Structures are given as C-alpha cells and as structure tokens.
Amino acid sequence: MFNCLYATLIALIIYHEADAGKLTRQCIASQGRCGQTKDSTCESSFGSGWKESGKCCNRKPCCVSQCIPIDSLKNGSVTVTRSNDGLTAHFACDAGFVLAGNESLSCKSSVKHWDILQCVKRACPDTVAYFRGYKYTFDCSEVSRYVAHDKCRSKGGHLTSIESEDENDFILVVATLIDLPNALKRLVYWIGLMYDDNDQSYKWDSGVPFNYSDWSQDPQYPLQPDKLDSRGEQGHNVKCVALDHRYSNKWQDERCSFYGKYICKTKLT
C-alpha cells in the first residue's frame, strides 16, 4: 500500500514538472516573463501594461507586455527584442505588401503610432487599410468629385471625413506609400469635405461636425483654402477639397470637376 501511494506521488510530481516546463516554453514563445512569486501579479512584478498569460514553473504567472501587438500585424510578422530600456517590436511585411508606419516601435511609443501600423497592399484599382473601426479604400481610378461621391455611396460608405490629427496621420501615411511609384506625377485624393454656399462654411458629406483641418500652409504655394483651382483660376465650382501630392498630401481646395483619386470610408460592422 505504501509503495503504491509513493509511486502515485512520484508520478504526480513528474507530471507537474513536465506540465510546468511546457507552460514555461509557452511563456518564452509569447515573449513573456515569469512573475516574482506565485502570489504576485504581473503589474506588481513588472509595472503597468503587463498581463498574465498562463503560468510558469512553480505556479508563477507568465507575464506578457500588452503594448507589443505580437499577433496583430496581418500580412506581416513581428519580432520582439528586449533591452534595459524595455521591449521593442520590429515589423516586416509579407511579399507584395508595404508597411504603413515605423519599422520598429517601443513600449514608450505613443498610441497613435501603434494604430497606424499595418501592412497594406499597394495596388489598383484600390488599396484597403483599417483604422479604429473603419475601412478606408484608396481608389486610384481618377474621376470627378461628383462621381467619387456616388461611388462611395454605392459601396455603403462616403468620401472620407478626417476628424482628428490621429486619423489624418494615418491617411497621410497610407496615401504617401501609394504615391511613391508616381512621385513625379501630380496626384490628388478627394475627401468628403465641401464648401456649402448657403451656410458659407465647409461641411463633411458624412454629417459629422467640421472641427479639424489640415490645410496646406507651405509658403512655396498659395495658402489654402484660396478659392483658386490648380490653374490659379477662380470659379464658383472651386469648393471641393482634396489631398494634394504637391503639398505633401495636405488639404487644398479644387474645382469639383477635376479628375482625381478618392478615399472611401466605411464603418465596420
């Protein structure tokens, strides 16, 4: 009887150690670290931003830094390195995709840099990217602003509104990536901002308030908006707004009949 109990105890110990070793390897694979004691939390061991993800040996928590989106880079890969300054993520995209954002970021980087980060496929007729619950389609067919408006509506969205600096930064990054092969050609992207003659103010197609703008203020060019088209001519139809490659994709007013690319914005369901 004693021998049987002893054998059972030895088997349980062996099972526990083997299972603990497996979990430790999982912790290493997820770039985790073992907590200080089995009763300590990840935050108490390493600070804010560290969350438990399984266990290490001796029942210590496996702690993973939440600021590194290890598995979130679709169509790409993330490699994490550790130094005295903390964790740094290095990003690479699969063949056929280009990286929107920095090639590496640390936990100290601001949130908007992580939001912008993604691998996008630079292609025609469109390039698709995502940001905070919305899909953005950068269509490279060149049409008037009126046609662009109708095409976005037919897809269940609208010409993009740009409601914050973070959203504007995201759009600029993607638009610049797409523009690289055509750097010598003038490119514009219609957005959903248009001057309302009745109210004498700019309004978004989507109906959201117009509280943010990024007009070109480059002294080498006319300050925007200037009520002049790309030929320097005035007209009652110079009331549509586009990103202009000449102005580093800053905003400029343009004749609505001008042929340009366009950006559709659709809410994800």
C-alpha atoms as a PDB file:
ATOM      1  CA  MET A   1       0.000   0.000   0.000  1.00  0.00           C
ATOM      2  CA  PHE A   2       2.781   2.395   0.957  1.00  0.00           C
ATOM      3  CA  ASN A   3       4.689   1.604  -2.234  1.00  0.00           C
ATOM      4  CA  CYS A   4       1.568   2.256  -4.297  1.00  0.00           C
ATOM      5  CA  LEU A   5       0.989   5.657  -2.714  1.00  0.00           C
ATOM      6  CA  TYR A   6       4.666   6.521  -3.077  1.00  0.00           C
ATOM      7  CA  ALA A   7       4.610   5.621  -6.771  1.00  0.00           C
ATOM      8  CA  THR A   8       1.480   7.703  -7.294  1.00  0.00           C
ATOM      9  CA  LEU A   9       3.093  10.708  -5.573  1.00  0.00           C
ATOM     10  CA  ILE A  10       6.222  10.409  -7.719  1.00  0.00           C
ATOM     11  CA  ALA A  11       4.057  10.236 -10.862  1.00  0.00           C
ATOM     12  CA  LEU A  12       2.129  13.384  -9.884  1.00  0.00           C
ATOM     13  CA  ILE A  13       5.389  15.246  -9.217  1.00  0.00           C
ATOM     14  CA  ILE A  14       6.776  14.189 -12.599  1.00  0.00           C
ATOM     15  CA  TYR A  15       3.515  15.218 -14.337  1.00  0.00           C
ATOM     16  CA  HIS A  16       3.506  18.576 -12.580  1.00  0.00           C
ATOM     17  CA  GLU A  17       7.094  19.352 -13.521  1.00  0.00           C
ATOM     18  CA  ALA A  18       6.554  18.269 -17.135  1.00  0.00           C
ATOM     19  CA  ASP A  19       3.418  20.382 -17.382  1.00  0.00           C
ATOM     20  CA  ALA A  20       5.213  23.318 -15.776  1.00  0.00           C
ATOM     21  CA  GLY A  21       8.036  23.001 -18.280  1.00  0.00           C
ATOM     22  CA  LYS A  22       5.567  23.054 -21.172  1.00  0.00           C
ATOM     23  CA  LEU A  23       3.944  26.200 -19.863  1.00  0.00           C
ATOM     24  CA  THR A  24       7.334  27.810 -19.398  1.00  0.00           C
ATOM     25  CA  ARG A  25       8.144  27.177 -23.056  1.00  0.00           C
ATOM     26  CA  GLN A  26       4.810  28.718 -23.998  1.00  0.00           C
ATOM     27  CA  CYS A  27       5.663  31.719 -21.896  1.00  0.00           C
ATOM     28  CA  ILE A  28       9.013  32.110 -23.657  1.00  0.00           C
ATOM     29  CA  ALA A  29       7.356  31.731 -27.059  1.00  0.00           C
ATOM     30  CA  SER A  30       4.985  34.594 -26.264  1.00  0.00           C
ATOM     31  CA  GLN A  31       7.879  36.837 -25.190  1.00  0.00           C
ATOM     32  CA  GLY A  32       6.702  36.544 -21.596  1.00  0.00           C
ATOM     33  CA  ARG A  33       8.481  36.744 -18.271  1.00  0.00           C
ATOM     34  CA  CYS A  34       7.845  34.832 -15.062  1.00  0.00           C
ATOM     35  CA  GLY A  35       6.423  36.797 -12.150  1.00  0.00           C
ATOM     36  CA  GLN A  36       8.387  37.175  -8.940  1.00  0.00           C
ATOM     37  CA  THR A  37       6.290  34.771  -6.834  1.00  0.00           C
ATOM     38  CA  LYS A  38       3.259  32.542  -7.359  1.00  0.00           C
ATOM     39  CA  ASP A  39       1.135  35.084  -5.465  1.00  0.00           C
ATOM     40  CA  SER A  40       2.401  38.207  -7.229  1.00  0.00           C
ATOM     41  CA  THR A  41       0.578  39.868 -10.106  1.00  0.00           C
ATOM     42  CA  CYS A  42       2.218  40.815 -13.379  1.00  0.00           C
ATOM     43  CA  GLU A  43       1.702  44.514 -12.684  1.00  0.00           C
ATOM     44  CA  SER A  44       3.330  44.252  -9.252  1.00  0.00           C
ATOM     45  CA  SER A  45       6.269  42.378 -10.810  1.00  0.00           C
ATOM     46  CA  PHE A  46       6.903  44.480 -13.910  1.00  0.00           C
ATOM     47  CA  GLY A  47       4.624  47.530 -13.849  1.00  0.00           C
ATOM     48  CA  SER A  48       1.532  48.673 -15.737  1.00  0.00           C
ATOM     49  CA  GLY A  49       0.869  47.177 -19.142  1.00  0.00           C
ATOM     50  CA  TRP A  50       1.882  43.642 -18.105  1.00  0.00           C
ATOM     51  CA  LYS A  51      -0.865  40.994 -18.096  1.00  0.00           C
ATOM     52  CA  GLU A  52      -0.957  37.325 -17.094  1.00  0.00           C
ATOM     53  CA  SER A  53      -0.941  34.751 -19.904  1.00  0.00           C
ATOM     54  CA  GLY A  54      -0.725  31.276 -18.379  1.00  0.00           C
ATOM     55  CA  LYS A  55       1.746  30.047 -15.767  1.00  0.00           C
ATOM     56  CA  CYS A  56       5.467  29.477 -15.430  1.00  0.00           C
ATOM     57  CA  CYS A  57       7.008  26.708 -13.347  1.00  0.00           C
ATOM     58  CA  ASN A  58       6.380  26.836  -9.599  1.00  0.00           C
ATOM     59  CA  ARG A  59       2.981  28.369 -10.432  1.00  0.00           C
ATOM     60  CA  LYS A  60       4.418  31.815 -11.059  1.00  0.00           C
ATOM     61  CA  PRO A  61       2.373  33.889 -13.539  1.00  0.00           C
ATOM     62  CA  CYS A  62       3.621  34.185 -17.119  1.00  0.00           C
ATOM     63  CA  CYS A  63       3.592  37.928 -17.806  1.00  0.00           C
ATOM     64  CA  VAL A  64       3.282  39.440 -21.274  1.00  0.00           C
ATOM     65  CA  SER A  65       3.608  43.127 -22.167  1.00  0.00           C
ATOM     66  CA  GLN A  66       0.357  44.303 -23.749  1.00  0.00           C
ATOM     67  CA  CYS A  67       1.973  47.222 -25.525  1.00  0.00           C
ATOM     68  CA  ILE A  68       3.502  44.900 -28.149  1.00  0.00           C
ATOM     69  CA  PRO A  69       0.809  43.597 -30.541  1.00  0.00           C
ATOM     70  CA  ILE A  70       2.730  40.408 -31.359  1.00  0.00           C
ATOM     71  CA  ASP A  71      -0.046  38.654 -33.283  1.00  0.00           C
ATOM     72  CA  SER A  72      -1.906  41.686 -34.632  1.00  0.00           C
ATOM     73  CA  LEU A  73       0.128  42.528 -37.765  1.00  0.00           C
ATOM     74  CA  LYS A  74      -1.932  40.993 -40.558  1.00  0.00           C
ATOM     75  CA  ASN A  75       0.090  40.118 -43.675  1.00  0.00           C
ATOM     76  CA  GLY A  76       3.333  40.603 -41.758  1.00  0.00           C
ATOM     77  CA  SER A  77       5.452  39.482 -38.826  1.00  0.00           C
ATOM     78  CA  VAL A  78       6.631  40.944 -35.523  1.00  0.00           C
ATOM     79  CA  THR A  79       9.964  40.262 -33.821  1.00  0.00           C
ATOM     80  CA  VAL A  80      10.402  41.433 -30.236  1.00  0.00           C
ATOM     81  CA  THR A  81      13.736  42.253 -28.614  1.00  0.00           C
ATOM     82  CA  ARG A  82      14.444  43.103 -25.006  1.00  0.00           C
ATOM     83  CA  SER A  83      16.941  45.601 -23.603  1.00  0.00           C
ATOM     84  CA  ASN A  84      17.465  47.619 -20.449  1.00  0.00           C
ATOM     85  CA  ASP A  85      15.006  50.161 -21.852  1.00  0.00           C
ATOM     86  CA  GLY A  86      12.234  47.560 -22.205  1.00  0.00           C
ATOM     87  CA  LEU A  87      10.661  45.795 -25.183  1.00  0.00           C
ATOM     88  CA  THR A  88      10.944  46.869 -28.815  1.00  0.00           C
ATOM     89  CA  ALA A  89       8.936  45.391 -31.682  1.00  0.00           C
ATOM     90  CA  HIS A  90      10.370  45.138 -35.215  1.00  0.00           C
ATOM     91  CA  PHE A  91       7.931  44.790 -38.121  1.00  0.00           C
ATOM     92  CA  ALA A  92       8.173  43.237 -41.569  1.00  0.00           C
ATOM     93  CA  CYS A  93       5.501  42.731 -44.238  1.00  0.00           C
ATOM     94  CA  ASP A  94       4.909  39.728 -46.458  1.00  0.00           C
ATOM     95  CA  ALA A  95       5.820  39.884 -50.149  1.00  0.00           C
ATOM     96  CA  GLY A  96       3.537  42.240 -52.057  1.00  0.00           C
ATOM     97  CA  PHE A  97       2.724  44.380 -49.003  1.00  0.00           C
ATOM     98  CA  VAL A  98       4.267  47.600 -47.707  1.00  0.00           C
ATOM     99  CA  LEU A  99       4.500  48.804 -44.129  1.00  0.00           C
ATOM    100  CA  ALA A 100       2.409  51.795 -43.087  1.00  0.00           C
ATOM    101  CA  GLY A 101       4.193  53.114 -40.008  1.00  0.00           C
ATOM    102  CA  ASN A 102       7.605  52.807 -38.383  1.00  0.00           C
ATOM    103  CA  GLU A 103       9.796  49.731 -38.870  1.00  0.00           C
ATOM    104  CA  SER A 104      10.178  49.421 -35.098  1.00  0.00           C
ATOM    105  CA  LEU A 105       8.386  50.748 -32.019  1.00  0.00           C
ATOM    106  CA  SER A 106       8.977  50.525 -28.294  1.00  0.00           C
ATOM    107  CA  CYS A 107       6.544  50.402 -25.420  1.00  0.00           C
ATOM    108  CA  LYS A 108       7.251  54.101 -24.928  1.00  0.00           C
ATOM    109  CA  SER A 109       5.799  54.990 -28.349  1.00  0.00           C
ATOM    110  CA  SER A 110       2.527  56.889 -28.447  1.00  0.00           C
ATOM    111  CA  VAL A 111      -0.731  55.054 -29.084  1.00  0.00           C
ATOM    112  CA  LYS A 112      -1.346  56.618 -32.498  1.00  0.00           C
ATOM    113  CA  HIS A 113       1.863  55.100 -33.876  1.00  0.00           C
ATOM    114  CA  TRP A 114       0.562  51.640 -32.994  1.00  0.00           C
ATOM    115  CA  ASP A 115      -2.841  52.418 -34.542  1.00  0.00           C
ATOM    116  CA  ILE A 116      -1.335  53.442 -37.864  1.00  0.00           C
ATOM    117  CA  LEU A 117       0.896  50.377 -38.087  1.00  0.00           C
ATOM    118  CA  GLN A 118      -0.272  47.818 -40.685  1.00  0.00           C
ATOM    119  CA  CYS A 119       0.759  46.054 -43.877  1.00  0.00           C
ATOM    120  CA  VAL A 120      -1.153  47.313 -46.898  1.00  0.00           C
ATOM    121  CA  LYS A 121      -1.204  46.085 -50.473  1.00  0.00           C
ATOM    122  CA  ARG A 122      -0.324  48.883 -52.838  1.00  0.00           C
ATOM    123  CA  ALA A 123      -2.399  48.088 -55.887  1.00  0.00           C
ATOM    124  CA  CYS A 124      -5.050  49.259 -58.315  1.00  0.00           C
ATOM    125  CA  PRO A 125      -7.976  49.586 -58.501  1.00  0.00           C
ATOM    126  CA  ASP A 126      -7.821  50.091 -54.762  1.00  0.00           C
ATOM    127  CA  THR A 127      -5.748  49.830 -51.601  1.00  0.00           C
ATOM    128  CA  VAL A 128      -7.555  48.952 -48.379  1.00  0.00           C
ATOM    129  CA  ALA A 129      -6.442  49.898 -44.857  1.00  0.00           C
ATOM    130  CA  TYR A 130      -8.145  49.916 -41.451  1.00  0.00           C
ATOM    131  CA  PHE A 131      -8.211  52.381 -38.585  1.00  0.00           C
ATOM    132  CA  ARG A 132     -10.269  52.424 -35.376  1.00  0.00           C
ATOM    133  CA  GLY A 133     -13.325  50.564 -36.599  1.00  0.00           C
ATOM    134  CA  TYR A 134     -13.397  51.874 -40.180  1.00  0.00           C
ATOM    135  CA  LYS A 135     -12.267  50.579 -43.546  1.00  0.00           C
ATOM    136  CA  TYR A 136     -10.582  53.064 -45.889  1.00  0.00           C
ATOM    137  CA  THR A 137     -10.494  52.296 -49.598  1.00  0.00           C
ATOM    138  CA  PHE A 138      -7.971  54.339 -51.580  1.00  0.00           C
ATOM    139  CA  ASP A 139      -9.305  54.069 -55.118  1.00  0.00           C
ATOM    140  CA  CYS A 140      -6.776  55.006 -57.779  1.00  0.00           C
ATOM    141  CA  SER A 141      -9.203  55.468 -60.647  1.00  0.00           C
ATOM    142  CA  GLU A 142      -9.398  59.186 -61.499  1.00  0.00           C
ATOM    143  CA  VAL A 143     -12.867  60.716 -61.536  1.00  0.00           C
ATOM    144  CA  SER A 144     -14.596  63.985 -60.722  1.00  0.00           C
ATOM    145  CA  ARG A 145     -15.575  64.696 -57.142  1.00  0.00           C
ATOM    146  CA  TYR A 146     -19.237  64.109 -58.016  1.00  0.00           C
ATOM    147  CA  VAL A 147     -18.546  60.624 -59.393  1.00  0.00           C
ATOM    148  CA  ALA A 148     -16.299  59.808 -56.423  1.00  0.00           C
ATOM    149  CA  HIS A 149     -19.133  60.769 -54.054  1.00  0.00           C
ATOM    150  CA  ASP A 150     -21.597  58.460 -55.844  1.00  0.00           C
ATOM    151  CA  LYS A 151     -19.136  55.552 -55.994  1.00  0.00           C
ATOM    152  CA  CYS A 152     -18.501  55.688 -52.247  1.00  0.00           C
ATOM    153  CA  ARG A 153     -22.222  55.819 -51.549  1.00  0.00           C
ATOM    154  CA  SER A 154     -22.804  52.773 -53.754  1.00  0.00           C
ATOM    155  CA  LYS A 155     -20.296  50.849 -51.604  1.00  0.00           C
ATOM    156  CA  GLY A 156     -22.154  51.687 -48.401  1.00  0.00           C
ATOM    157  CA  GLY A 157     -19.777  54.425 -47.252  1.00  0.00           C
ATOM    158  CA  HIS A 158     -18.904  58.022 -48.027  1.00  0.00           C
ATOM    159  CA  LEU A 159     -15.957  60.102 -49.134  1.00  0.00           C
ATOM    160  CA  THR A 160     -13.769  60.058 -46.054  1.00  0.00           C
ATOM    161  CA  SER A 161     -14.164  62.521 -43.259  1.00  0.00           C
ATOM    162  CA  ILE A 162     -10.992  63.312 -41.280  1.00  0.00           C
ATOM    163  CA  GLU A 163     -11.964  64.126 -37.734  1.00  0.00           C
ATOM    164  CA  SER A 164      -8.685  64.166 -35.778  1.00  0.00           C
ATOM    165  CA  GLU A 165      -4.926  64.516 -36.088  1.00  0.00           C
ATOM    166  CA  ASP A 166      -4.516  60.766 -35.498  1.00  0.00           C
ATOM    167  CA  GLU A 167      -6.861  59.902 -38.358  1.00  0.00           C
ATOM    168  CA  ASN A 168      -5.162  62.445 -40.599  1.00  0.00           C
ATOM    169  CA  ASP A 169      -1.721  60.978 -39.805  1.00  0.00           C
ATOM    170  CA  PHE A 170      -2.985  57.507 -40.712  1.00  0.00           C
ATOM    171  CA  ILE A 171      -4.390  58.676 -44.069  1.00  0.00           C
ATOM    172  CA  LEU A 172      -1.203  60.598 -44.890  1.00  0.00           C
ATOM    173  CA  VAL A 173       0.968  57.541 -44.231  1.00  0.00           C
ATOM    174  CA  VAL A 174      -1.079  55.267 -46.496  1.00  0.00           C
ATOM    175  CA  ALA A 175      -1.512  57.873 -49.253  1.00  0.00           C
ATOM    176  CA  THR A 176       2.234  58.571 -49.282  1.00  0.00           C
ATOM    177  CA  LEU A 177       3.028  54.852 -49.589  1.00  0.00           C
ATOM    178  CA  ILE A 178       0.714  54.540 -52.576  1.00  0.00           C
ATOM    179  CA  ASP A 179       2.147  57.662 -54.198  1.00  0.00           C
ATOM    180  CA  LEU A 180       5.800  56.534 -54.085  1.00  0.00           C
ATOM    181  CA  PRO A 181       5.888  54.889 -57.546  1.00  0.00           C
ATOM    182  CA  ASN A 182       4.328  58.037 -59.077  1.00  0.00           C
ATOM    183  CA  ALA A 183       6.288  60.654 -57.171  1.00  0.00           C
ATOM    184  CA  LEU A 184       6.820  62.834 -60.264  1.00  0.00           C
ATOM    185  CA  LYS A 185       3.138  62.905 -61.189  1.00  0.00           C
ATOM    186  CA  ARG A 186       0.620  65.215 -59.577  1.00  0.00           C
ATOM    187  CA  LEU A 187      -1.843  63.165 -57.538  1.00  0.00           C
ATOM    188  CA  VAL A 188      -4.883  64.239 -55.581  1.00  0.00           C
ATOM    189  CA  TYR A 189      -7.324  62.282 -53.416  1.00  0.00           C
ATOM    190  CA  TRP A 190     -10.873  63.564 -52.996  1.00  0.00           C
ATOM    191  CA  ILE A 191     -12.090  63.628 -49.385  1.00  0.00           C
ATOM    192  CA  GLY A 192     -15.626  64.276 -48.158  1.00  0.00           C
ATOM    193  CA  LEU A 193     -15.256  67.988 -47.382  1.00  0.00           C
ATOM    194  CA  MET A 194     -17.114  70.563 -49.484  1.00  0.00           C
ATOM    195  CA  TYR A 195     -17.952  74.239 -49.204  1.00  0.00           C
ATOM    196  CA  ASP A 196     -21.648  74.949 -48.633  1.00  0.00           C
ATOM    197  CA  ASP A 197     -22.625  78.169 -50.413  1.00  0.00           C
ATOM    198  CA  ASN A 198     -25.797  78.580 -48.356  1.00  0.00           C
ATOM    199  CA  ASP A 199     -24.105  78.357 -44.939  1.00  0.00           C
ATOM    200  CA  GLN A 200     -20.782  79.741 -46.248  1.00  0.00           C
ATOM    201  CA  SER A 201     -18.862  77.045 -44.419  1.00  0.00           C
ATOM    202  CA  TYR A 202     -17.200  73.689 -45.076  1.00  0.00           C
ATOM    203  CA  LYS A 203     -19.152  70.510 -44.294  1.00  0.00           C
ATOM    204  CA  TRP A 204     -18.417  66.791 -44.315  1.00  0.00           C
ATOM    205  CA  ASP A 205     -20.545  64.509 -46.511  1.00  0.00           C
ATOM    206  CA  SER A 206     -20.982  62.181 -43.535  1.00  0.00           C
ATOM    207  CA  GLY A 207     -22.647  64.922 -41.481  1.00  0.00           C
ATOM    208  CA  VAL A 208     -20.060  64.901 -38.680  1.00  0.00           C
ATOM    209  CA  PRO A 209     -19.032  68.352 -37.363  1.00  0.00           C
ATOM    210  CA  PHE A 210     -16.151  70.097 -39.104  1.00  0.00           C
ATOM    211  CA  ASN A 211     -13.804  70.540 -36.125  1.00  0.00           C
ATOM    212  CA  TYR A 212     -10.407  69.577 -37.567  1.00  0.00           C
ATOM    213  CA  SER A 213      -8.478  70.685 -40.654  1.00  0.00           C
ATOM    214  CA  ASP A 214      -5.029  70.304 -42.201  1.00  0.00           C
ATOM    215  CA  TRP A 215      -4.904  72.931 -44.942  1.00  0.00           C
ATOM    216  CA  SER A 216      -1.601  73.366 -46.749  1.00  0.00           C
ATOM    217  CA  GLN A 217       0.305  76.327 -45.364  1.00  0.00           C
ATOM    218  CA  ASP A 218       3.504  75.822 -47.370  1.00  0.00           C
ATOM    219  CA  PRO A 219       4.848  79.306 -48.249  1.00  0.00           C
ATOM    220  CA  GLN A 220       6.078  77.954 -51.632  1.00  0.00           C
ATOM    221  CA  TYR A 221       2.450  77.582 -52.727  1.00  0.00           C
ATOM    222  CA  PRO A 222      -0.744  79.603 -52.247  1.00  0.00           C
ATOM    223  CA  LEU A 223      -2.049  79.213 -48.706  1.00  0.00           C
ATOM    224  CA  GLN A 224      -5.145  77.024 -48.603  1.00  0.00           C
ATOM    225  CA  PRO A 225      -8.043  77.339 -48.981  1.00  0.00           C
ATOM    226  CA  ASP A 226      -7.654  80.102 -51.561  1.00  0.00           C
ATOM    227  CA  LYS A 227     -10.777  79.643 -53.771  1.00  0.00           C
ATOM    228  CA  LEU A 228      -8.460  79.049 -56.762  1.00  0.00           C
ATOM    229  CA  ASP A 229      -8.165  75.845 -58.770  1.00  0.00           C
ATOM    230  CA  SER A 230      -4.889  74.156 -59.778  1.00  0.00           C
ATOM    231  CA  ARG A 231      -4.582  76.557 -62.736  1.00  0.00           C
ATOM    232  CA  GLY A 232      -4.858  79.563 -60.438  1.00  0.00           C
ATOM    233  CA  GLU A 233      -8.318  80.408 -61.724  1.00  0.00           C
ATOM    234  CA  GLN A 234     -11.352  81.388 -59.696  1.00  0.00           C
ATOM    235  CA  GLY A 235     -14.722  79.777 -60.179  1.00  0.00           C
ATOM    236  CA  HIS A 236     -17.978  79.037 -58.403  1.00  0.00           C
ATOM    237  CA  ASN A 237     -17.083  75.334 -58.561  1.00  0.00           C
ATOM    238  CA  VAL A 238     -13.811  75.624 -56.576  1.00  0.00           C
ATOM    239  CA  LYS A 239     -15.338  74.330 -53.369  1.00  0.00           C
ATOM    240  CA  CYS A 240     -14.283  70.674 -53.125  1.00  0.00           C
ATOM    241  CA  VAL A 241     -11.344  69.517 -51.007  1.00  0.00           C
ATOM    242  CA  ALA A 242      -8.614  67.011 -51.784  1.00  0.00           C
ATOM    243  CA  LEU A 243      -5.250  65.823 -50.516  1.00  0.00           C
ATOM    244  CA  ASP A 244      -2.614  67.057 -52.930  1.00  0.00           C
ATOM    245  CA  HIS A 245       0.723  65.307 -53.502  1.00  0.00           C
ATOM    246  CA  ARG A 246       2.315  68.678 -54.352  1.00  0.00           C
ATOM    247  CA  TYR A 247       1.514  69.871 -50.833  1.00  0.00           C
ATOM    248  CA  SER A 248       2.780  66.677 -49.102  1.00  0.00           C
ATOM    249  CA  ASN A 249      -0.820  65.430 -49.151  1.00  0.00           C
ATOM    250  CA  LYS A 250      -2.077  68.424 -47.181  1.00  0.00           C
ATOM    251  CA  TRP A 251      -5.547  69.740 -47.955  1.00  0.00           C
ATOM    252  CA  GLN A 252      -6.337  72.112 -50.807  1.00  0.00           C
ATOM    253  CA  ASP A 253      -9.496  73.350 -52.461  1.00  0.00           C
ATOM    254  CA  GLU A 254     -10.047  72.379 -56.091  1.00  0.00           C
ATOM    255  CA  ARG A 255     -12.578  72.578 -58.889  1.00  0.00           C
ATOM    256  CA  CYS A 256     -15.101  69.766 -58.259  1.00  0.00           C
ATOM    257  CA  SER A 257     -14.904  68.679 -61.900  1.00  0.00           C
ATOM    258  CA  PHE A 258     -11.154  67.985 -61.582  1.00  0.00           C
ATOM    259  CA  TYR A 259     -10.243  64.317 -62.074  1.00  0.00           C
ATOM    260  CA  GLY A 260      -8.607  62.795 -59.003  1.00  0.00           C
ATOM    261  CA  LYS A 261      -8.406  59.614 -56.964  1.00  0.00           C
ATOM    262  CA  TYR A 262     -10.604  59.267 -53.903  1.00  0.00           C
ATOM    263  CA  ILE A 263     -10.828  57.717 -50.437  1.00  0.00           C
ATOM    264  CA  CYS A 264     -13.985  55.919 -49.283  1.00  0.00           C
ATOM    265  CA  LYS A 265     -14.660  55.412 -45.554  1.00  0.00           C
ATOM    266  CA  THR A 266     -16.941  52.574 -44.402  1.00  0.00           C
ATOM    267  CA  LYS A 267     -17.849  51.669 -40.825  1.00  0.00           C
ATOM    268  CA  LEU A 268     -17.060  48.064 -39.909  1.00  0.00           C
ATOM    269  CA  THR A 269     -19.966  46.053 -38.534  1.00  0.00           C
END
